[in-house]
């Protein structure tokens, strides 16, 4: 993607993650040494009133990062990433990550793109949102 072709309001990228798997949540809980039972124990999740296993916050964040870096030359081209968590995501749900151009500008011979980012559940609930800033080389 070229900086010159981006303008405010452009949809930078959209990625859908369908029917999130409980096995992935269990694996991530093990890798992160996450002791919170709703991330790996369905029975405990249901006892706490959750419909299924609870997805980890870092996993939800990763969906947004994937959406941004897919169009960049390198992951290190992300200059800032700021998110807020609003709702929980559970096993079996489908989420869509979006990045929309808010502003483009040049600074120090680099193309800078400010993005609004969001992770939305199928019912329209925004689970996570925020902003990201990325760098593009000027051609």
C-alpha atoms as a PDB file:
ATOM      1  CA  UNK A   1       0.000   0.000   0.000  1.00  0.00           C
ATOM      2  CA  UNK A   2       1.347   3.399  -0.942  1.00  0.00           C
ATOM      3  CA  UNK A   3       1.109   6.444   1.302  1.00  0.00           C
ATOM      4  CA  UNK A   4       0.112   8.664  -1.624  1.00  0.00           C
ATOM      5  CA  UNK A   5      -3.074   6.650  -2.152  1.00  0.00           C
ATOM      6  CA  UNK A   6      -4.339   6.963   1.426  1.00  0.00           C
ATOM      7  CA  UNK A   7      -6.731   9.633   2.637  1.00  0.00           C
ATOM      8  CA  UNK A   8      -9.018  10.294   5.580  1.00  0.00           C
ATOM      9  CA  UNK A   9     -11.932   7.850   5.753  1.00  0.00           C
ATOM     10  CA  UNK A  10     -10.226   5.081   3.760  1.00  0.00           C
ATOM     11  CA  UNK A  11     -10.631   1.615   5.166  1.00  0.00           C
ATOM     12  CA  UNK A  12      -7.046   0.555   5.697  1.00  0.00           C
ATOM     13  CA  UNK A  13      -7.753  -3.116   6.249  1.00  0.00           C
ATOM     14  CA  UNK A  14     -10.447  -5.492   7.516  1.00  0.00           C
ATOM     15  CA  UNK A  15      -9.771  -8.949   8.956  1.00  0.00           C
ATOM     16  CA  UNK A  16     -12.388 -11.372  10.230  1.00  0.00           C
ATOM     17  CA  UNK A  17     -11.534 -14.080  12.746  1.00  0.00           C
ATOM     18  CA  UNK A  18     -14.289 -16.674  12.608  1.00  0.00           C
ATOM     19  CA  UNK A  19     -15.532 -18.897  15.406  1.00  0.00           C
ATOM     20  CA  UNK A  20     -12.668 -18.405  17.843  1.00  0.00           C
ATOM     21  CA  UNK A  21     -11.485 -21.728  19.177  1.00  0.00           C
ATOM     22  CA  UNK A  22     -11.377 -22.682  22.823  1.00  0.00           C
ATOM     23  CA  UNK A  23      -8.311 -24.842  22.152  1.00  0.00           C
ATOM     24  CA  UNK A  24      -6.445 -21.705  21.039  1.00  0.00           C
ATOM     25  CA  UNK A  25      -7.492 -19.949  24.252  1.00  0.00           C
ATOM     26  CA  UNK A  26      -6.248 -22.870  26.346  1.00  0.00           C
ATOM     27  CA  UNK A  27      -2.932 -22.886  24.480  1.00  0.00           C
ATOM     28  CA  UNK A  28      -2.456 -19.142  24.910  1.00  0.00           C
ATOM     29  CA  UNK A  29      -3.291 -19.445  28.625  1.00  0.00           C
ATOM     30  CA  UNK A  30      -0.567 -22.084  28.943  1.00  0.00           C
ATOM     31  CA  UNK A  31       1.973 -20.050  26.959  1.00  0.00           C
ATOM     32  CA  UNK A  32       1.249 -16.931  29.009  1.00  0.00           C
ATOM     33  CA  UNK A  33       1.148 -18.954  32.242  1.00  0.00           C
ATOM     34  CA  UNK A  34      -2.242 -17.303  32.763  1.00  0.00           C
ATOM     35  CA  UNK A  35      -3.832 -18.702  35.947  1.00  0.00           C
ATOM     36  CA  UNK A  36      -7.320 -17.210  35.363  1.00  0.00           C
ATOM     37  CA  UNK A  37      -9.571 -20.322  35.021  1.00  0.00           C
ATOM     38  CA  UNK A  38     -12.123 -18.884  32.515  1.00  0.00           C
ATOM     39  CA  UNK A  39      -9.331 -18.813  29.934  1.00  0.00           C
ATOM     40  CA  UNK A  40      -8.846 -22.599  30.062  1.00  0.00           C
ATOM     41  CA  UNK A  41     -11.605 -24.235  32.152  1.00  0.00           C
ATOM     42  CA  UNK A  42     -15.075 -24.238  30.572  1.00  0.00           C
ATOM     43  CA  UNK A  43     -16.793 -25.434  33.729  1.00  0.00           C
ATOM     44  CA  UNK A  44     -15.318 -22.594  35.773  1.00  0.00           C
ATOM     45  CA  UNK A  45     -16.122 -20.069  33.035  1.00  0.00           C
ATOM     46  CA  UNK A  46     -19.781 -21.122  33.135  1.00  0.00           C
ATOM     47  CA  UNK A  47     -19.833 -21.028  36.953  1.00  0.00           C
ATOM     48  CA  UNK A  48     -18.769 -17.381  36.677  1.00  0.00           C
ATOM     49  CA  UNK A  49     -21.616 -16.663  34.266  1.00  0.00           C
ATOM     50  CA  UNK A  50     -19.620 -16.656  31.035  1.00  0.00           C
ATOM     51  CA  UNK A  51     -21.119 -18.414  27.998  1.00  0.00           C
ATOM     52  CA  UNK A  52     -17.836 -20.158  27.143  1.00  0.00           C
ATOM     53  CA  UNK A  53     -14.082 -19.771  27.512  1.00  0.00           C
ATOM     54  CA  UNK A  54     -12.918 -16.157  27.738  1.00  0.00           C
ATOM     55  CA  UNK A  55     -10.435 -14.949  25.128  1.00  0.00           C
ATOM     56  CA  UNK A  56      -7.300 -13.300  26.489  1.00  0.00           C
ATOM     57  CA  UNK A  57      -6.868  -9.557  26.108  1.00  0.00           C
ATOM     58  CA  UNK A  58      -3.506  -9.998  24.343  1.00  0.00           C
ATOM     59  CA  UNK A  59      -5.207 -12.203  21.727  1.00  0.00           C
ATOM     60  CA  UNK A  60      -7.820  -9.520  21.067  1.00  0.00           C
ATOM     61  CA  UNK A  61      -5.030  -6.960  20.798  1.00  0.00           C
ATOM     62  CA  UNK A  62      -3.191  -9.203  18.329  1.00  0.00           C
ATOM     63  CA  UNK A  63      -6.166  -9.187  15.948  1.00  0.00           C
ATOM     64  CA  UNK A  64      -5.895  -5.403  15.746  1.00  0.00           C
ATOM     65  CA  UNK A  65      -2.115  -5.493  15.337  1.00  0.00           C
ATOM     66  CA  UNK A  66      -2.487  -8.005  12.479  1.00  0.00           C
ATOM     67  CA  UNK A  67      -4.927  -5.680  10.763  1.00  0.00           C
ATOM     68  CA  UNK A  68      -2.468  -2.780  10.901  1.00  0.00           C
ATOM     69  CA  UNK A  69       0.809  -4.548  10.057  1.00  0.00           C
ATOM     70  CA  UNK A  70      -0.557  -6.419   7.045  1.00  0.00           C
ATOM     71  CA  UNK A  71      -0.255  -3.266   4.914  1.00  0.00           C
ATOM     72  CA  UNK A  72       3.108  -2.112   6.303  1.00  0.00           C
ATOM     73  CA  UNK A  73       6.615  -2.918   5.114  1.00  0.00           C
ATOM     74  CA  UNK A  74       7.578  -4.037   8.620  1.00  0.00           C
ATOM     75  CA  UNK A  75       5.912  -4.433  12.031  1.00  0.00           C
ATOM     76  CA  UNK A  76       8.422  -1.856  13.299  1.00  0.00           C
ATOM     77  CA  UNK A  77       6.632   0.728  11.130  1.00  0.00           C
ATOM     78  CA  UNK A  78       3.972   0.998  13.839  1.00  0.00           C
ATOM     79  CA  UNK A  79       4.819   4.179  15.725  1.00  0.00           C
ATOM     80  CA  UNK A  80       2.085   4.015  18.372  1.00  0.00           C
ATOM     81  CA  UNK A  81      -0.720   1.707  19.399  1.00  0.00           C
ATOM     82  CA  UNK A  82      -3.280   2.666  22.053  1.00  0.00           C
ATOM     83  CA  UNK A  83      -6.346   0.521  22.828  1.00  0.00           C
ATOM     84  CA  UNK A  84      -9.231   0.302  25.287  1.00  0.00           C
ATOM     85  CA  UNK A  85     -11.084  -2.870  26.240  1.00  0.00           C
ATOM     86  CA  UNK A  86     -14.884  -2.531  26.382  1.00  0.00           C
ATOM     87  CA  UNK A  87     -16.340  -6.033  26.204  1.00  0.00           C
ATOM     88  CA  UNK A  88     -15.288  -9.656  26.529  1.00  0.00           C
ATOM     89  CA  UNK A  89     -14.821 -12.062  23.634  1.00  0.00           C
ATOM     90  CA  UNK A  90     -15.637 -15.756  24.032  1.00  0.00           C
ATOM     91  CA  UNK A  91     -14.929 -19.043  22.289  1.00  0.00           C
ATOM     92  CA  UNK A  92     -17.210 -19.581  19.320  1.00  0.00           C
ATOM     93  CA  UNK A  93     -17.607 -15.888  18.561  1.00  0.00           C
ATOM     94  CA  UNK A  94     -16.569 -14.233  15.308  1.00  0.00           C
ATOM     95  CA  UNK A  95     -14.837 -10.860  15.495  1.00  0.00           C
ATOM     96  CA  UNK A  96     -13.840  -8.365  12.828  1.00  0.00           C
ATOM     97  CA  UNK A  97     -10.853  -6.059  13.167  1.00  0.00           C
ATOM     98  CA  UNK A  98     -10.841  -2.803  11.216  1.00  0.00           C
ATOM     99  CA  UNK A  99      -8.437   0.056  10.704  1.00  0.00           C
ATOM    100  CA  UNK A 100      -9.656   3.319   9.192  1.00  0.00           C
ATOM    101  CA  UNK A 101      -7.480   6.236   8.110  1.00  0.00           C
ATOM    102  CA  UNK A 102      -8.125   9.327  10.219  1.00  0.00           C
ATOM    103  CA  UNK A 103      -5.288  11.536   8.985  1.00  0.00           C
ATOM    104  CA  UNK A 104      -2.219  11.431   6.755  1.00  0.00           C
ATOM    105  CA  UNK A 105       0.757  13.768   6.993  1.00  0.00           C
ATOM    106  CA  UNK A 106       4.477  13.939   6.347  1.00  0.00           C
ATOM    107  CA  UNK A 107       7.089  14.283   9.060  1.00  0.00           C
ATOM    108  CA  UNK A 108      10.859  14.052   8.632  1.00  0.00           C
ATOM    109  CA  UNK A 109      10.540  12.651   5.101  1.00  0.00           C
ATOM    110  CA  UNK A 110       8.137   9.906   6.227  1.00  0.00           C
ATOM    111  CA  UNK A 111       4.477   9.390   5.481  1.00  0.00           C
ATOM    112  CA  UNK A 112       2.555   9.149   8.740  1.00  0.00           C
ATOM    113  CA  UNK A 113      -0.924   7.611   8.911  1.00  0.00           C
ATOM    114  CA  UNK A 114      -3.171   7.910  11.971  1.00  0.00           C
ATOM    115  CA  UNK A 115      -5.746   5.134  12.200  1.00  0.00           C
ATOM    116  CA  UNK A 116      -8.807   4.395  14.272  1.00  0.00           C
ATOM    117  CA  UNK A 117      -8.948   0.688  15.034  1.00  0.00           C
ATOM    118  CA  UNK A 118     -11.757  -1.487  16.357  1.00  0.00           C
ATOM    119  CA  UNK A 119     -12.540  -5.105  17.127  1.00  0.00           C
ATOM    120  CA  UNK A 120     -16.246  -5.709  16.655  1.00  0.00           C
ATOM    121  CA  UNK A 121     -18.314  -8.744  17.555  1.00  0.00           C
ATOM    122  CA  UNK A 122     -21.011 -10.136  15.243  1.00  0.00           C
ATOM    123  CA  UNK A 123     -23.760  -8.386  17.201  1.00  0.00           C
ATOM    124  CA  UNK A 124     -22.111  -5.008  16.568  1.00  0.00           C
ATOM    125  CA  UNK A 125     -20.610  -4.669  20.036  1.00  0.00           C
ATOM    126  CA  UNK A 126     -17.173  -3.070  19.995  1.00  0.00           C
ATOM    127  CA  UNK A 127     -14.975  -5.225  22.223  1.00  0.00           C
ATOM    128  CA  UNK A 128     -11.776  -3.210  21.760  1.00  0.00           C
ATOM    129  CA  UNK A 129     -11.039   0.106  20.071  1.00  0.00           C
ATOM    130  CA  UNK A 130      -8.309   2.674  19.903  1.00  0.00           C
ATOM    131  CA  UNK A 131      -5.782   4.349  17.654  1.00  0.00           C
ATOM    132  CA  UNK A 132      -2.590   3.458  15.860  1.00  0.00           C
ATOM    133  CA  UNK A 133      -0.009   5.495  14.004  1.00  0.00           C
ATOM    134  CA  UNK A 134       2.096   3.941  11.254  1.00  0.00           C
ATOM    135  CA  UNK A 135       4.940   5.072   9.002  1.00  0.00           C
ATOM    136  CA  UNK A 136       5.138   4.643   5.243  1.00  0.00           C
ATOM    137  CA  UNK A 137       8.192   5.486   3.171  1.00  0.00           C
ATOM    138  CA  UNK A 138       7.584   8.316   0.744  1.00  0.00           C
ATOM    139  CA  UNK A 139       8.211   7.342  -2.870  1.00  0.00           C
END
